[in-house]
Amino acid sequence: MPKGKLSKIRKEPGKSNAYKYSGVKSYAGPDHTYPIPDMAHARNALARAHFAKDPSKIRSKVYKKYPGLKKRAEARKGEK
């Protein structure tokens, strides 16, 4: 990716770490943002999804890969 385009992407809200993770194949956000290679990163992506332009897309991708997190979130909503 051209350096100028990359710096422009990184200036967008929620994309400051775009394309910084090598070797990771699973991402929840656009432009290789919100890496989710394991459960810890998936939880981190959910915690920071509110910084993205469309947090619901981040959540849906995380929940698709880790359905257990969705069940846990639904159970927590039911407790309140």
PDB file of N, CA and C in Angstrom:
ATOM      1  N   MET A   1       0.850  -1.170   0.000  1.00  0.00           N
ATOM      2  CA  MET A   1       0.000   0.000   0.000  1.00  0.00           C
ATOM      3  C   MET A   1       0.899   1.238   0.000  1.00  0.00           C
ATOM      4  N   PRO A   2       0.575   2.236  -0.811  1.00  0.00           N
ATOM      5  CA  PRO A   2       1.371   3.466  -0.827  1.00  0.00           C
ATOM      6  C   PRO A   2       1.373   4.152   0.536  1.00  0.00           C
ATOM      7  N   LYS A   3       2.521   4.694   0.899  1.00  0.00           N
ATOM      8  CA  LYS A   3       2.694   5.291   2.216  1.00  0.00           C
ATOM      9  C   LYS A   3       1.710   6.442   2.465  1.00  0.00           C
ATOM     10  N   GLY A   4       1.466   7.275   1.474  1.00  0.00           N
ATOM     11  CA  GLY A   4       0.543   8.394   1.638  1.00  0.00           C
ATOM     12  C   GLY A   4      -0.884   7.933   1.916  1.00  0.00           C
ATOM     13  N   LYS A   5      -1.301   6.882   1.227  1.00  0.00           N
ATOM     14  CA  LYS A   5      -2.648   6.356   1.431  1.00  0.00           C
ATOM     15  C   LYS A   5      -2.775   5.747   2.826  1.00  0.00           C
ATOM     16  N   LEU A   6      -1.739   5.050   3.255  1.00  0.00           N
ATOM     17  CA  LEU A   6      -1.748   4.434   4.574  1.00  0.00           C
ATOM     18  C   LEU A   6      -1.841   5.488   5.676  1.00  0.00           C
ATOM     19  N   SER A   7      -1.084   6.565   5.555  1.00  0.00           N
ATOM     20  CA  SER A   7      -1.133   7.600   6.591  1.00  0.00           C
ATOM     21  C   SER A   7      -2.502   8.282   6.597  1.00  0.00           C
ATOM     22  N   LYS A   8      -3.132   8.399   5.436  1.00  0.00           N
ATOM     23  CA  LYS A   8      -4.482   8.980   5.370  1.00  0.00           C
ATOM     24  C   LYS A   8      -5.489   8.071   6.075  1.00  0.00           C
ATOM     25  N   ILE A   9      -5.369   6.764   5.860  1.00  0.00           N
ATOM     26  CA  ILE A   9      -6.265   5.804   6.514  1.00  0.00           C
ATOM     27  C   ILE A   9      -6.081   5.859   8.024  1.00  0.00           C
ATOM     28  N   ARG A  10      -4.836   5.931   8.488  1.00  0.00           N
ATOM     29  CA  ARG A  10      -4.558   5.931   9.926  1.00  0.00           C
ATOM     30  C   ARG A  10      -5.061   7.182  10.626  1.00  0.00           C
ATOM     31  N   LYS A  11      -5.308   8.253   9.897  1.00  0.00           N
ATOM     32  CA  LYS A  11      -5.830   9.476  10.498  1.00  0.00           C
ATOM     33  C   LYS A  11      -7.338   9.414  10.725  1.00  0.00           C
ATOM     34  N   GLU A  12      -8.008   8.471  10.073  1.00  0.00           N
ATOM     35  CA  GLU A  12      -9.453   8.324  10.245  1.00  0.00           C
ATOM     36  C   GLU A  12      -9.745   7.810  11.657  1.00  0.00           C
ATOM     37  N   PRO A  13     -10.871   8.237  12.233  1.00  0.00           N
ATOM     38  CA  PRO A  13     -11.227   7.775  13.582  1.00  0.00           C
ATOM     39  C   PRO A  13     -11.310   6.250  13.650  1.00  0.00           C
ATOM     40  N   GLY A  14     -10.677   5.674  14.657  1.00  0.00           N
ATOM     41  CA  GLY A  14     -10.738   4.234  14.875  1.00  0.00           C
ATOM     42  C   GLY A  14      -9.792   3.420  14.020  1.00  0.00           C
ATOM     43  N   LYS A  15      -8.942   4.046  13.229  1.00  0.00           N
ATOM     44  CA  LYS A  15      -8.053   3.298  12.339  1.00  0.00           C
ATOM     45  C   LYS A  15      -6.578   3.620  12.560  1.00  0.00           C
ATOM     46  N   SER A  16      -6.207   4.047  13.730  1.00  0.00           N
ATOM     47  CA  SER A  16      -4.823   4.445  13.980  1.00  0.00           C
ATOM     48  C   SER A  16      -3.839   3.284  13.858  1.00  0.00           C
ATOM     49  N   ASN A  17      -4.297   2.060  14.004  1.00  0.00           N
ATOM     50  CA  ASN A  17      -3.413   0.895  13.907  1.00  0.00           C
ATOM     51  C   ASN A  17      -3.633   0.097  12.626  1.00  0.00           C
ATOM     52  N   ALA A  18      -4.194   0.714  11.617  1.00  0.00           N
ATOM     53  CA  ALA A  18      -4.480   0.003  10.369  1.00  0.00           C
ATOM     54  C   ALA A  18      -3.211  -0.576   9.766  1.00  0.00           C
ATOM     55  N   TYR A  19      -3.261  -1.832   9.372  1.00  0.00           N
ATOM     56  CA  TYR A  19      -2.174  -2.550   8.710  1.00  0.00           C
ATOM     57  C   TYR A  19      -0.906  -2.675   9.554  1.00  0.00           C
ATOM     58  N   LYS A  20      -0.984  -2.568  10.858  1.00  0.00           N
ATOM     59  CA  LYS A  20       0.201  -2.690  11.712  1.00  0.00           C
ATOM     60  C   LYS A  20       0.459  -4.123  12.169  1.00  0.00           C
ATOM     61  N   TYR A  21      -0.466  -5.023  11.963  1.00  0.00           N
ATOM     62  CA  TYR A  21      -0.339  -6.372  12.499  1.00  0.00           C
ATOM     63  C   TYR A  21      -0.002  -7.359  11.388  1.00  0.00           C
ATOM     64  N   SER A  22       1.222  -7.842  11.367  1.00  0.00           N
ATOM     65  CA  SER A  22       1.601  -8.821  10.357  1.00  0.00           C
ATOM     66  C   SER A  22       1.341 -10.225  10.890  1.00  0.00           C
ATOM     67  N   GLY A  23       0.962 -11.106  10.023  1.00  0.00           N
ATOM     68  CA  GLY A  23       0.721 -12.485  10.411  1.00  0.00           C
ATOM     69  C   GLY A  23      -0.671 -12.762  10.945  1.00  0.00           C
ATOM     70  N   VAL A  24      -1.476 -11.742  11.157  1.00  0.00           N
ATOM     71  CA  VAL A  24      -2.834 -11.938  11.654  1.00  0.00           C
ATOM     72  C   VAL A  24      -3.766 -12.070  10.454  1.00  0.00           C
ATOM     73  N   LYS A  25      -4.623 -13.071  10.479  1.00  0.00           N
ATOM     74  CA  LYS A  25      -5.520 -13.305   9.347  1.00  0.00           C
ATOM     75  C   LYS A  25      -6.960 -12.883   9.622  1.00  0.00           C
ATOM     76  N   SER A  26      -7.318 -12.651  10.867  1.00  0.00           N
ATOM     77  CA  SER A  26      -8.702 -12.322  11.219  1.00  0.00           C
ATOM     78  C   SER A  26      -8.789 -10.900  11.753  1.00  0.00           C
ATOM     79  N   TYR A  27      -9.630 -10.115  11.108  1.00  0.00           N
ATOM     80  CA  TYR A  27      -9.857  -8.741  11.526  1.00  0.00           C
ATOM     81  C   TYR A  27     -11.354  -8.479  11.598  1.00  0.00           C
ATOM     82  N   ALA A  28     -11.757  -7.635  12.544  1.00  0.00           N
ATOM     83  CA  ALA A  28     -13.164  -7.291  12.668  1.00  0.00           C
ATOM     84  C   ALA A  28     -13.476  -5.958  12.011  1.00  0.00           C
ATOM     85  N   GLY A  29     -12.470  -5.153  11.743  1.00  0.00           N
ATOM     86  CA  GLY A  29     -12.700  -3.830  11.187  1.00  0.00           C
ATOM     87  C   GLY A  29     -12.150  -3.676   9.787  1.00  0.00           C
ATOM     88  N   PRO A  30     -12.471  -2.574   9.152  1.00  0.00           N
ATOM     89  CA  PRO A  30     -11.969  -2.313   7.806  1.00  0.00           C
ATOM     90  C   PRO A  30     -10.485  -1.955   7.844  1.00  0.00           C
ATOM     91  N   ASP A  31      -9.808  -2.135   6.725  1.00  0.00           N
ATOM     92  CA  ASP A  31      -8.397  -1.768   6.588  1.00  0.00           C
ATOM     93  C   ASP A  31      -7.512  -2.421   7.640  1.00  0.00           C
ATOM     94  N   HIS A  32      -7.797  -3.679   7.934  1.00  0.00           N
ATOM     95  CA  HIS A  32      -7.001  -4.458   8.905  1.00  0.00           C
ATOM     96  C   HIS A  32      -6.952  -3.794  10.277  1.00  0.00           C
ATOM     97  N   THR A  33      -8.081  -3.355  10.752  1.00  0.00           N
ATOM     98  CA  THR A  33      -8.181  -2.817  12.102  1.00  0.00           C
ATOM     99  C   THR A  33      -8.925  -3.824  12.968  1.00  0.00           C
ATOM    100  N   TYR A  34      -8.748  -3.743  14.247  1.00  0.00           N
ATOM    101  CA  TYR A  34      -9.372  -4.639  15.210  1.00  0.00           C
ATOM    102  C   TYR A  34      -9.025  -6.106  14.932  1.00  0.00           C
ATOM    103  N   PRO A  35      -7.756  -6.493  15.119  1.00  0.00           N
ATOM    104  CA  PRO A  35      -7.369  -7.885  14.899  1.00  0.00           C
ATOM    105  C   PRO A  35      -8.032  -8.796  15.928  1.00  0.00           C
ATOM    106  N   ILE A  36      -8.480  -9.964  15.479  1.00  0.00           N
ATOM    107  CA  ILE A  36      -9.147 -10.903  16.383  1.00  0.00           C
ATOM    108  C   ILE A  36      -8.591 -12.324  16.202  1.00  0.00           C
ATOM    109  N   PRO A  37      -7.272 -12.513  16.351  1.00  0.00           N
ATOM    110  CA  PRO A  37      -6.722 -13.860  16.177  1.00  0.00           C
ATOM    111  C   PRO A  37      -7.035 -14.801  17.339  1.00  0.00           C
ATOM    112  N   ASP A  38      -7.392 -14.240  18.497  1.00  0.00           N
ATOM    113  CA  ASP A  38      -7.708 -15.084  19.649  1.00  0.00           C
ATOM    114  C   ASP A  38      -8.776 -14.392  20.507  1.00  0.00           C
ATOM    115  N   MET A  39      -9.208 -15.089  21.532  1.00  0.00           N
ATOM    116  CA  MET A  39     -10.293 -14.604  22.387  1.00  0.00           C
ATOM    117  C   MET A  39      -9.937 -13.283  23.081  1.00  0.00           C
ATOM    118  N   ALA A  40      -8.721 -13.139  23.519  1.00  0.00           N
ATOM    119  CA  ALA A  40      -8.317 -11.906  24.205  1.00  0.00           C
ATOM    120  C   ALA A  40      -8.419 -10.703  23.267  1.00  0.00           C
ATOM    121  N   HIS A  41      -7.972 -10.869  22.036  1.00  0.00           N
ATOM    122  CA  HIS A  41      -8.079  -9.779  21.071  1.00  0.00           C
ATOM    123  C   HIS A  41      -9.538  -9.506  20.704  1.00  0.00           C
ATOM    124  N   ALA A  42     -10.345 -10.545  20.666  1.00  0.00           N
ATOM    125  CA  ALA A  42     -11.768 -10.374  20.356  1.00  0.00           C
ATOM    126  C   ALA A  42     -12.451  -9.552  21.444  1.00  0.00           C
ATOM    127  N   ARG A  43     -12.154  -9.846  22.695  1.00  0.00           N
ATOM    128  CA  ARG A  43     -12.721  -9.055  23.793  1.00  0.00           C
ATOM    129  C   ARG A  43     -12.250  -7.612  23.711  1.00  0.00           C
ATOM    130  N   ASN A  44     -10.993  -7.421  23.368  1.00  0.00           N
ATOM    131  CA  ASN A  44     -10.446  -6.081  23.231  1.00  0.00           C
ATOM    132  C   ASN A  44     -11.154  -5.336  22.098  1.00  0.00           C
ATOM    133  N   ALA A  45     -11.410  -6.004  20.990  1.00  0.00           N
ATOM    134  CA  ALA A  45     -12.115  -5.377  19.866  1.00  0.00           C
ATOM    135  C   ALA A  45     -13.521  -4.951  20.287  1.00  0.00           C
ATOM    136  N   LEU A  46     -14.197  -5.792  21.062  1.00  0.00           N
ATOM    137  CA  LEU A  46     -15.539  -5.439  21.530  1.00  0.00           C
ATOM    138  C   LEU A  46     -15.487  -4.233  22.467  1.00  0.00           C
ATOM    139  N   ALA A  47     -14.473  -4.175  23.299  1.00  0.00           N
ATOM    140  CA  ALA A  47     -14.353  -3.064  24.248  1.00  0.00           C
ATOM    141  C   ALA A  47     -14.067  -1.748  23.543  1.00  0.00           C
ATOM    142  N   ARG A  48     -13.422  -1.812  22.382  1.00  0.00           N
ATOM    143  CA  ARG A  48     -13.062  -0.591  21.673  1.00  0.00           C
ATOM    144  C   ARG A  48     -13.898  -0.337  20.430  1.00  0.00           C
ATOM    145  N   ALA A  49     -14.897  -1.139  20.210  1.00  0.00           N
ATOM    146  CA  ALA A  49     -15.741  -0.993  19.014  1.00  0.00           C
ATOM    147  C   ALA A  49     -16.422   0.367  18.951  1.00  0.00           C
ATOM    148  N   HIS A  50     -16.675   0.980  20.088  1.00  0.00           N
ATOM    149  CA  HIS A  50     -17.371   2.271  20.082  1.00  0.00           C
ATOM    150  C   HIS A  50     -16.548   3.369  19.407  1.00  0.00           C
ATOM    151  N   PHE A  51     -15.259   3.146  19.163  1.00  0.00           N
ATOM    152  CA  PHE A  51     -14.430   4.115  18.456  1.00  0.00           C
ATOM    153  C   PHE A  51     -14.622   4.038  16.940  1.00  0.00           C
ATOM    154  N   ALA A  52     -15.154   2.950  16.444  1.00  0.00           N
ATOM    155  CA  ALA A  52     -15.321   2.750  15.006  1.00  0.00           C
ATOM    156  C   ALA A  52     -16.519   3.533  14.474  1.00  0.00           C
ATOM    157  N   LYS A  53     -16.517   3.742  13.151  1.00  0.00           N
ATOM    158  CA  LYS A  53     -17.648   4.436  12.530  1.00  0.00           C
ATOM    159  C   LYS A  53     -18.924   3.622  12.674  1.00  0.00           C
ATOM    160  N   ASP A  54     -18.798   2.306  12.542  1.00  0.00           N
ATOM    161  CA  ASP A  54     -19.960   1.424  12.643  1.00  0.00           C
ATOM    162  C   ASP A  54     -19.653   0.294  13.630  1.00  0.00           C
ATOM    163  N   PRO A  55     -19.864   0.544  14.920  1.00  0.00           N
ATOM    164  CA  PRO A  55     -19.538  -0.470  15.933  1.00  0.00           C
ATOM    165  C   PRO A  55     -20.290  -1.788  15.754  1.00  0.00           C
ATOM    166  N   SER A  56     -21.478  -1.740  15.192  1.00  0.00           N
ATOM    167  CA  SER A  56     -22.256  -2.972  15.039  1.00  0.00           C
ATOM    168  C   SER A  56     -21.567  -3.951  14.085  1.00  0.00           C
ATOM    169  N   LYS A  57     -20.848  -3.460  13.087  1.00  0.00           N
ATOM    170  CA  LYS A  57     -20.118  -4.352  12.178  1.00  0.00           C
ATOM    171  C   LYS A  57     -18.971  -5.047  12.908  1.00  0.00           C
ATOM    172  N   ILE A  58     -18.300  -4.305  13.778  1.00  0.00           N
ATOM    173  CA  ILE A  58     -17.209  -4.892  14.556  1.00  0.00           C
ATOM    174  C   ILE A  58     -17.767  -6.011  15.432  1.00  0.00           C
ATOM    175  N   ARG A  59     -18.853  -5.692  16.151  1.00  0.00           N
ATOM    176  CA  ARG A  59     -19.461  -6.690  17.041  1.00  0.00           C
ATOM    177  C   ARG A  59     -19.916  -7.923  16.274  1.00  0.00           C
ATOM    178  N   SER A  60     -20.554  -7.725  15.123  1.00  0.00           N
ATOM    179  CA  SER A  60     -21.077  -8.872  14.377  1.00  0.00           C
ATOM    180  C   SER A  60     -19.953  -9.784  13.890  1.00  0.00           C
ATOM    181  N   LYS A  61     -18.830  -9.217  13.453  1.00  0.00           N
ATOM    182  CA  LYS A  61     -17.711 -10.051  13.008  1.00  0.00           C
ATOM    183  C   LYS A  61     -17.083 -10.805  14.171  1.00  0.00           C
ATOM    184  N   VAL A  62     -16.967 -10.147  15.318  1.00  0.00           N
ATOM    185  CA  VAL A  62     -16.411 -10.824  16.498  1.00  0.00           C
ATOM    186  C   VAL A  62     -17.346 -11.942  16.928  1.00  0.00           C
ATOM    187  N   TYR A  63     -18.635 -11.669  16.999  1.00  0.00           N
ATOM    188  CA  TYR A  63     -19.599 -12.679  17.434  1.00  0.00           C
ATOM    189  C   TYR A  63     -19.702 -13.832  16.443  1.00  0.00           C
ATOM    190  N   LYS A  64     -19.463 -13.562  15.160  1.00  0.00           N
ATOM    191  CA  LYS A  64     -19.501 -14.630  14.170  1.00  0.00           C
ATOM    192  C   LYS A  64     -18.343 -15.601  14.397  1.00  0.00           C
ATOM    193  N   LYS A  65     -17.170 -15.049  14.712  1.00  0.00           N
ATOM    194  CA  LYS A  65     -16.001 -15.909  14.927  1.00  0.00           C
ATOM    195  C   LYS A  65     -16.012 -16.546  16.309  1.00  0.00           C
ATOM    196  N   TYR A  66     -16.521 -15.825  17.304  1.00  0.00           N
ATOM    197  CA  TYR A  66     -16.549 -16.308  18.691  1.00  0.00           C
ATOM    198  C   TYR A  66     -17.980 -16.259  19.232  1.00  0.00           C
ATOM    199  N   PRO A  67     -18.821 -17.230  18.875  1.00  0.00           N
ATOM    200  CA  PRO A  67     -20.223 -17.216  19.304  1.00  0.00           C
ATOM    201  C   PRO A  67     -20.391 -17.254  20.818  1.00  0.00           C
ATOM    202  N   GLY A  68     -19.412 -17.779  21.521  1.00  0.00           N
ATOM    203  CA  GLY A  68     -19.485 -17.820  22.986  1.00  0.00           C
ATOM    204  C   GLY A  68     -19.532 -16.422  23.587  1.00  0.00           C
ATOM    205  N   LEU A  69     -18.875 -15.475  22.958  1.00  0.00           N
ATOM    206  CA  LEU A  69     -18.907 -14.090  23.449  1.00  0.00           C
ATOM    207  C   LEU A  69     -20.300 -13.488  23.289  1.00  0.00           C
ATOM    208  N   LYS A  70     -20.969 -13.865  22.215  1.00  0.00           N
ATOM    209  CA  LYS A  70     -22.331 -13.351  22.005  1.00  0.00           C
ATOM    210  C   LYS A  70     -23.272 -13.911  23.061  1.00  0.00           C
ATOM    211  N   LYS A  71     -23.150 -15.200  23.339  1.00  0.00           N
ATOM    212  CA  LYS A  71     -23.996 -15.812  24.371  1.00  0.00           C
ATOM    213  C   LYS A  71     -23.746 -15.156  25.717  1.00  0.00           C
ATOM    214  N   ARG A  72     -22.487 -14.867  26.004  1.00  0.00           N
ATOM    215  CA  ARG A  72     -22.139 -14.224  27.267  1.00  0.00           C
ATOM    216  C   ARG A  72     -22.737 -12.816  27.342  1.00  0.00           C
ATOM    217  N   ALA A  73     -22.665 -12.074  26.245  1.00  0.00           N
ATOM    218  CA  ALA A  73     -23.222 -10.717  26.214  1.00  0.00           C
ATOM    219  C   ALA A  73     -24.740 -10.757  26.385  1.00  0.00           C
ATOM    220  N   GLU A  74     -25.400 -11.710  25.739  1.00  0.00           N
ATOM    221  CA  GLU A  74     -26.851 -11.834  25.870  1.00  0.00           C
ATOM    222  C   GLU A  74     -27.238 -12.210  27.297  1.00  0.00           C
ATOM    223  N   ALA A  75     -26.461 -13.085  27.904  1.00  0.00           N
ATOM    224  CA  ALA A  75     -26.746 -13.494  29.282  1.00  0.00           C
ATOM    225  C   ALA A  75     -26.573 -12.318  30.229  1.00  0.00           C
ATOM    226  N   ARG A  76     -25.575 -11.484  29.991  1.00  0.00           N
ATOM    227  CA  ARG A  76     -25.345 -10.316  30.845  1.00  0.00           C
ATOM    228  C   ARG A  76     -26.465  -9.305  30.702  1.00  0.00           C
ATOM    229  N   LYS A  77     -27.009  -9.161  29.494  1.00  0.00           N
ATOM    230  CA  LYS A  77     -28.137  -8.246  29.295  1.00  0.00           C
ATOM    231  C   LYS A  77     -29.364  -8.737  30.029  1.00  0.00           C
ATOM    232  N   GLY A  78     -29.543 -10.046  30.075  1.00  0.00           N
ATOM    233  CA  GLY A  78     -30.691 -10.634  30.761  1.00  0.00           C
ATOM    234  C   GLY A  78     -30.614 -10.487  32.269  1.00  0.00           C
ATOM    235  N   GLU A  79     -29.407 -10.348  32.810  1.00  0.00           N
ATOM    236  CA  GLU A  79     -29.234 -10.206  34.266  1.00  0.00           C
ATOM    237  C   GLU A  79     -29.651  -8.846  34.763  1.00  0.00           C
ATOM    238  N   LYS A  80     -29.578  -7.849  33.903  1.00  0.00           N
ATOM    239  CA  LYS A  80     -29.846  -6.459  34.338  1.00  0.00           C
ATOM    240  C   LYS A  80     -31.304  -6.182  34.491  1.00  0.00           C
TER     241      LYS A  80
END
